């Protein structure tokens, strides 16, 4: 077997909408989870945070609170780990432009490319 010496970048998914059907840690669980990843998982490199906010957010109501929550999580995590290179992944095909405007460094746009899921 070939043993890799490279680490794999991972994003921690934060359940900013607190929806029970979604995975991810709660915002208040992020820092302890990040500590486990950075101190105990030698094959992993914490690359950043991500969220899948509530589906179909109405932007006429103002900025997406799930995105605001993730930005706050990112800020706390960066300070906690004393890192300025952590990425932010928020936004999908329907709201990626707004997510980028708010600071997202990664977006998921599968349905824009491949069409809606069946």
N, C-alpha and C. Protein backbone atom coordinates (compact mmCIF):
# COMPACT_ATOMS: atom_id res chain seq x y z
N UNK A 1 0.83 -1.19 0.00
CA UNK A 1 0.00 0.00 0.00
C UNK A 1 0.87 1.25 0.00
N UNK A 2 0.40 2.27 -0.68
CA UNK A 2 1.10 3.54 -0.74
C UNK A 2 0.60 4.41 0.40
N UNK A 3 1.51 4.95 1.17
CA UNK A 3 1.14 5.83 2.27
C UNK A 3 1.42 7.27 1.84
N UNK A 4 0.40 8.09 1.90
CA UNK A 4 0.54 9.49 1.51
C UNK A 4 1.05 10.32 2.68
N UNK A 5 1.93 11.24 2.39
CA UNK A 5 2.39 12.17 3.42
C UNK A 5 1.68 13.51 3.30
N UNK A 6 0.80 13.62 2.32
CA UNK A 6 0.04 14.85 2.14
C UNK A 6 -1.16 14.87 3.08
N UNK A 7 -1.53 16.05 3.52
CA UNK A 7 -2.75 16.16 4.31
C UNK A 7 -3.90 16.53 3.37
N UNK A 8 -5.09 16.22 3.81
CA UNK A 8 -6.29 16.49 3.04
C UNK A 8 -7.01 17.68 3.65
N UNK A 9 -7.31 18.66 2.84
CA UNK A 9 -8.03 19.84 3.32
C UNK A 9 -9.48 19.52 3.59
N UNK A 10 -10.00 19.99 4.69
CA UNK A 10 -11.40 19.76 5.06
C UNK A 10 -12.05 21.07 5.49
N UNK A 11 -13.34 21.15 5.22
CA UNK A 11 -14.17 22.23 5.71
C UNK A 11 -15.08 21.67 6.79
N UNK A 12 -15.27 22.40 7.86
CA UNK A 12 -16.24 22.01 8.88
C UNK A 12 -17.58 22.61 8.48
N UNK A 13 -18.59 21.74 8.36
CA UNK A 13 -19.93 22.23 8.05
C UNK A 13 -20.60 22.69 9.34
N UNK A 14 -21.07 23.93 9.32
CA UNK A 14 -21.75 24.51 10.47
C UNK A 14 -23.24 24.62 10.12
N UNK A 15 -24.08 24.08 10.97
CA UNK A 15 -25.52 24.11 10.75
C UNK A 15 -26.05 25.45 11.24
N UNK A 16 -25.82 26.49 10.45
CA UNK A 16 -26.20 27.84 10.85
C UNK A 16 -27.71 28.04 10.91
N UNK A 17 -28.46 27.26 10.16
CA UNK A 17 -29.92 27.38 10.18
C UNK A 17 -30.54 26.57 11.31
N UNK A 18 -29.72 25.72 11.95
CA UNK A 18 -30.17 24.87 13.06
C UNK A 18 -31.34 23.98 12.68
N UNK A 19 -31.39 23.60 11.42
CA UNK A 19 -32.45 22.71 10.95
C UNK A 19 -32.08 21.27 11.30
N UNK A 20 -33.00 20.53 11.91
CA UNK A 20 -32.66 19.16 12.34
C UNK A 20 -32.35 18.21 11.19
N UNK A 21 -32.84 18.49 10.00
CA UNK A 21 -32.60 17.61 8.86
C UNK A 21 -31.23 17.83 8.22
N UNK A 22 -30.51 18.86 8.69
CA UNK A 22 -29.19 19.16 8.13
C UNK A 22 -28.09 18.68 9.05
N UNK A 23 -26.99 18.31 8.42
CA UNK A 23 -25.82 17.87 9.17
C UNK A 23 -24.96 19.06 9.52
N UNK A 24 -23.91 18.79 10.25
CA UNK A 24 -22.97 19.83 10.63
C UNK A 24 -23.03 20.11 12.11
N UNK A 25 -21.99 20.74 12.59
CA UNK A 25 -21.97 21.09 14.01
C UNK A 25 -22.76 22.37 14.23
N UNK A 26 -23.22 22.55 15.44
CA UNK A 26 -23.86 23.80 15.81
C UNK A 26 -22.75 24.86 15.95
N UNK A 27 -23.06 26.11 15.75
CA UNK A 27 -22.03 27.15 15.84
C UNK A 27 -21.21 27.09 17.13
N UNK A 28 -21.86 26.80 18.23
CA UNK A 28 -21.16 26.76 19.51
C UNK A 28 -20.24 25.54 19.65
N UNK A 29 -20.35 24.58 18.76
CA UNK A 29 -19.50 23.38 18.78
C UNK A 29 -18.27 23.52 17.89
N UNK A 30 -18.20 24.60 17.12
CA UNK A 30 -17.15 24.74 16.12
C UNK A 30 -15.74 24.75 16.70
N UNK A 31 -15.48 25.56 17.70
CA UNK A 31 -14.12 25.69 18.21
C UNK A 31 -13.60 24.39 18.82
N UNK A 32 -14.39 23.69 19.65
CA UNK A 32 -13.90 22.40 20.15
C UNK A 32 -13.65 21.38 19.03
N UNK A 33 -14.51 21.37 18.02
CA UNK A 33 -14.32 20.45 16.90
C UNK A 33 -13.06 20.82 16.12
N UNK A 34 -12.84 22.08 15.91
CA UNK A 34 -11.63 22.53 15.21
C UNK A 34 -10.38 22.13 15.98
N UNK A 35 -10.44 22.20 17.29
CA UNK A 35 -9.30 21.78 18.11
C UNK A 35 -8.99 20.30 17.90
N UNK A 36 -10.02 19.47 17.82
CA UNK A 36 -9.81 18.04 17.58
C UNK A 36 -9.16 17.84 16.21
N UNK A 37 -9.67 18.50 15.21
CA UNK A 37 -9.13 18.35 13.85
C UNK A 37 -7.67 18.80 13.80
N UNK A 38 -7.37 19.95 14.37
CA UNK A 38 -6.02 20.50 14.26
C UNK A 38 -5.01 19.80 15.16
N UNK A 39 -5.47 19.21 16.28
CA UNK A 39 -4.54 18.60 17.23
C UNK A 39 -4.46 17.08 17.15
N UNK A 40 -5.54 16.44 16.67
CA UNK A 40 -5.59 14.99 16.74
C UNK A 40 -5.71 14.29 15.38
N UNK A 41 -5.94 15.03 14.33
CA UNK A 41 -6.15 14.42 13.01
C UNK A 41 -5.00 14.81 12.09
N UNK A 42 -3.89 14.12 12.22
CA UNK A 42 -2.68 14.54 11.53
C UNK A 42 -2.79 14.48 10.01
N UNK A 43 -3.70 13.69 9.47
CA UNK A 43 -3.86 13.62 8.02
C UNK A 43 -4.80 14.67 7.45
N UNK A 44 -5.37 15.50 8.33
CA UNK A 44 -6.32 16.52 7.88
C UNK A 44 -5.76 17.91 8.11
N UNK A 45 -6.07 18.80 7.18
CA UNK A 45 -5.70 20.21 7.30
C UNK A 45 -7.00 21.01 7.27
N UNK A 46 -7.30 21.70 8.34
CA UNK A 46 -8.53 22.49 8.40
C UNK A 46 -8.43 23.64 7.40
N UNK A 47 -9.26 23.60 6.37
CA UNK A 47 -9.22 24.60 5.30
C UNK A 47 -10.20 25.74 5.53
N UNK A 48 -11.29 25.46 6.25
CA UNK A 48 -12.27 26.52 6.47
C UNK A 48 -13.59 26.00 6.98
N UNK A 49 -14.61 26.84 6.84
CA UNK A 49 -15.96 26.53 7.30
C UNK A 49 -16.93 26.62 6.13
N UNK A 50 -18.02 25.89 6.24
CA UNK A 50 -19.04 25.91 5.20
C UNK A 50 -20.41 25.81 5.84
N UNK A 51 -21.41 26.22 5.09
CA UNK A 51 -22.79 26.06 5.53
C UNK A 51 -23.69 25.82 4.34
N UNK A 52 -24.77 25.15 4.59
CA UNK A 52 -25.88 25.06 3.65
C UNK A 52 -27.04 25.71 4.39
N UNK A 53 -27.26 26.95 4.10
CA UNK A 53 -28.29 27.70 4.81
C UNK A 53 -29.69 27.21 4.48
N UNK A 54 -30.65 27.82 5.10
CA UNK A 54 -32.05 27.46 4.85
C UNK A 54 -32.36 27.63 3.37
N UNK A 55 -33.03 26.65 2.79
CA UNK A 55 -33.34 26.67 1.36
C UNK A 55 -34.34 27.77 1.05
N UNK A 56 -34.10 28.45 -0.07
CA UNK A 56 -35.07 29.42 -0.58
C UNK A 56 -35.15 30.71 0.22
N UNK A 57 -34.04 31.15 0.80
CA UNK A 57 -34.08 32.39 1.57
C UNK A 57 -34.55 33.54 0.68
N UNK A 58 -35.42 34.39 1.22
CA UNK A 58 -35.96 35.55 0.51
C UNK A 58 -35.05 36.76 0.75
N UNK A 59 -34.23 37.08 -0.23
CA UNK A 59 -33.25 38.16 -0.08
C UNK A 59 -33.90 39.53 0.03
N UNK A 60 -35.19 39.63 -0.27
CA UNK A 60 -35.86 40.93 -0.09
C UNK A 60 -35.99 41.25 1.40
N UNK A 61 -35.75 40.24 2.26
CA UNK A 61 -35.82 40.43 3.72
C UNK A 61 -34.50 40.95 4.29
N UNK A 62 -33.49 41.12 3.43
CA UNK A 62 -32.17 41.57 3.89
C UNK A 62 -31.15 40.47 3.72
N UNK A 63 -29.97 40.68 4.30
CA UNK A 63 -28.90 39.69 4.16
C UNK A 63 -29.30 38.37 4.81
N UNK A 64 -28.77 37.31 4.26
CA UNK A 64 -29.09 35.97 4.74
C UNK A 64 -28.48 35.76 6.13
N UNK A 65 -29.31 35.52 7.15
CA UNK A 65 -28.78 35.35 8.51
C UNK A 65 -27.87 34.13 8.64
N UNK A 66 -28.05 33.12 7.80
CA UNK A 66 -27.16 31.95 7.84
C UNK A 66 -25.76 32.33 7.37
N UNK A 67 -25.68 33.19 6.39
CA UNK A 67 -24.37 33.65 5.91
C UNK A 67 -23.71 34.54 6.97
N UNK A 68 -24.50 35.40 7.59
CA UNK A 68 -23.97 36.26 8.65
C UNK A 68 -23.43 35.40 9.79
N UNK A 69 -24.16 34.37 10.16
CA UNK A 69 -23.73 33.45 11.23
C UNK A 69 -22.43 32.77 10.86
N UNK A 70 -22.30 32.31 9.61
CA UNK A 70 -21.07 31.64 9.21
C UNK A 70 -19.89 32.62 9.21
N UNK A 71 -20.11 33.84 8.79
CA UNK A 71 -19.04 34.83 8.83
C UNK A 71 -18.56 35.06 10.26
N UNK A 72 -19.48 35.08 11.19
CA UNK A 72 -19.12 35.24 12.60
C UNK A 72 -18.35 34.01 13.10
N UNK A 73 -18.78 32.83 12.70
CA UNK A 73 -18.07 31.59 13.06
C UNK A 73 -16.65 31.63 12.50
N UNK A 74 -16.51 32.05 11.26
CA UNK A 74 -15.21 32.15 10.60
C UNK A 74 -14.29 33.11 11.37
N UNK A 75 -14.84 34.24 11.76
CA UNK A 75 -14.06 35.25 12.49
C UNK A 75 -13.57 34.68 13.83
N UNK A 76 -14.46 34.01 14.56
CA UNK A 76 -14.08 33.42 15.85
C UNK A 76 -13.05 32.32 15.67
N UNK A 77 -13.23 31.49 14.64
CA UNK A 77 -12.31 30.39 14.39
C UNK A 77 -10.93 30.91 14.01
N UNK A 78 -10.88 31.91 13.15
CA UNK A 78 -9.60 32.48 12.73
C UNK A 78 -8.85 33.05 13.93
N UNK A 79 -9.56 33.73 14.82
CA UNK A 79 -8.93 34.28 16.02
C UNK A 79 -8.47 33.16 16.95
N UNK A 80 -9.31 32.17 17.13
CA UNK A 80 -9.01 31.04 18.02
C UNK A 80 -7.76 30.29 17.56
N UNK A 81 -7.65 30.07 16.26
CA UNK A 81 -6.51 29.31 15.72
C UNK A 81 -5.34 30.21 15.31
N UNK A 82 -5.55 31.52 15.42
CA UNK A 82 -4.55 32.49 14.99
C UNK A 82 -4.12 32.23 13.55
N UNK A 83 -5.13 32.14 12.68
CA UNK A 83 -4.89 31.90 11.25
C UNK A 83 -5.66 32.93 10.44
N UNK A 84 -5.06 33.33 9.33
CA UNK A 84 -5.74 34.27 8.44
C UNK A 84 -5.98 33.67 7.06
N UNK A 85 -5.82 32.36 6.95
CA UNK A 85 -5.95 31.69 5.66
C UNK A 85 -7.16 30.77 5.57
N UNK A 86 -8.06 30.82 6.53
CA UNK A 86 -9.23 29.94 6.51
C UNK A 86 -10.24 30.43 5.47
N UNK A 87 -10.79 29.49 4.73
CA UNK A 87 -11.75 29.83 3.68
C UNK A 87 -13.18 29.76 4.18
N UNK A 88 -14.08 30.29 3.37
CA UNK A 88 -15.51 30.32 3.68
C UNK A 88 -16.26 29.76 2.48
N UNK A 89 -17.06 28.73 2.72
CA UNK A 89 -17.87 28.17 1.65
C UNK A 89 -19.34 28.33 2.00
N UNK A 90 -19.98 29.22 1.29
CA UNK A 90 -21.42 29.43 1.45
C UNK A 90 -21.95 29.87 0.11
N UNK A 91 -23.16 29.53 -0.16
CA UNK A 91 -23.76 29.89 -1.43
C UNK A 91 -23.80 28.72 -2.38
N UNK A 92 -24.93 28.61 -3.05
CA UNK A 92 -25.12 27.56 -4.05
C UNK A 92 -25.66 28.23 -5.31
N UNK A 93 -26.13 27.44 -6.24
CA UNK A 93 -26.51 27.97 -7.55
C UNK A 93 -27.46 29.16 -7.49
N UNK A 94 -28.38 29.17 -6.56
CA UNK A 94 -29.38 30.24 -6.52
C UNK A 94 -28.91 31.52 -5.84
N UNK A 95 -27.85 31.44 -5.05
CA UNK A 95 -27.45 32.63 -4.29
C UNK A 95 -25.94 32.86 -4.25
N UNK A 96 -25.21 32.23 -5.16
CA UNK A 96 -23.76 32.31 -5.09
C UNK A 96 -23.22 33.72 -5.29
N UNK A 97 -23.90 34.53 -6.11
CA UNK A 97 -23.41 35.90 -6.33
C UNK A 97 -23.48 36.69 -5.02
N UNK A 98 -24.57 36.56 -4.32
CA UNK A 98 -24.71 37.27 -3.03
C UNK A 98 -23.72 36.73 -2.00
N UNK A 99 -23.50 35.41 -2.03
CA UNK A 99 -22.54 34.81 -1.11
C UNK A 99 -21.13 35.36 -1.35
N UNK A 100 -20.76 35.48 -2.61
CA UNK A 100 -19.45 36.04 -2.94
C UNK A 100 -19.36 37.49 -2.47
N UNK A 101 -20.43 38.24 -2.68
CA UNK A 101 -20.46 39.63 -2.23
C UNK A 101 -20.27 39.74 -0.71
N UNK A 102 -20.72 38.71 0.01
CA UNK A 102 -20.60 38.71 1.47
C UNK A 102 -19.28 38.13 1.95
N UNK A 103 -18.47 37.59 1.04
CA UNK A 103 -17.15 37.11 1.46
C UNK A 103 -16.86 35.65 1.22
N UNK A 104 -17.76 34.92 0.59
CA UNK A 104 -17.50 33.51 0.33
C UNK A 104 -16.31 33.34 -0.61
N UNK A 105 -15.45 32.38 -0.28
CA UNK A 105 -14.30 32.09 -1.14
C UNK A 105 -14.52 30.81 -1.95
N UNK A 106 -15.58 30.09 -1.64
CA UNK A 106 -15.96 28.86 -2.37
C UNK A 106 -17.47 28.83 -2.49
N UNK A 107 -17.97 28.38 -3.63
CA UNK A 107 -19.41 28.22 -3.82
C UNK A 107 -19.66 26.87 -4.48
N UNK A 108 -20.88 26.39 -4.34
CA UNK A 108 -21.29 25.13 -4.96
C UNK A 108 -22.38 25.45 -5.99
N UNK A 109 -22.08 25.16 -7.25
CA UNK A 109 -22.99 25.58 -8.32
C UNK A 109 -23.38 24.41 -9.24
N UNK A 110 -23.51 23.23 -8.67
CA UNK A 110 -23.82 22.05 -9.48
C UNK A 110 -25.07 22.16 -10.32
N UNK A 111 -26.17 22.65 -9.76
CA UNK A 111 -27.41 22.70 -10.54
C UNK A 111 -27.34 23.77 -11.63
N UNK A 112 -26.48 24.79 -11.48
CA UNK A 112 -26.28 25.76 -12.56
C UNK A 112 -25.60 25.09 -13.75
N UNK A 113 -24.74 24.12 -13.46
CA UNK A 113 -23.99 23.43 -14.52
C UNK A 113 -24.76 22.23 -15.05
N UNK A 114 -25.28 21.40 -14.14
CA UNK A 114 -25.88 20.13 -14.52
C UNK A 114 -27.40 20.12 -14.53
N UNK A 115 -28.03 21.18 -14.05
CA UNK A 115 -29.47 21.21 -13.97
C UNK A 115 -29.96 20.73 -12.61
N UNK A 116 -31.23 20.94 -12.37
CA UNK A 116 -31.83 20.55 -11.09
C UNK A 116 -31.81 19.04 -10.93
N UNK A 117 -31.75 18.60 -9.68
CA UNK A 117 -31.81 17.17 -9.38
C UNK A 117 -33.19 16.64 -9.63
N UNK A 118 -33.27 15.37 -9.99
CA UNK A 118 -34.58 14.73 -10.19
C UNK A 118 -35.04 14.08 -8.92
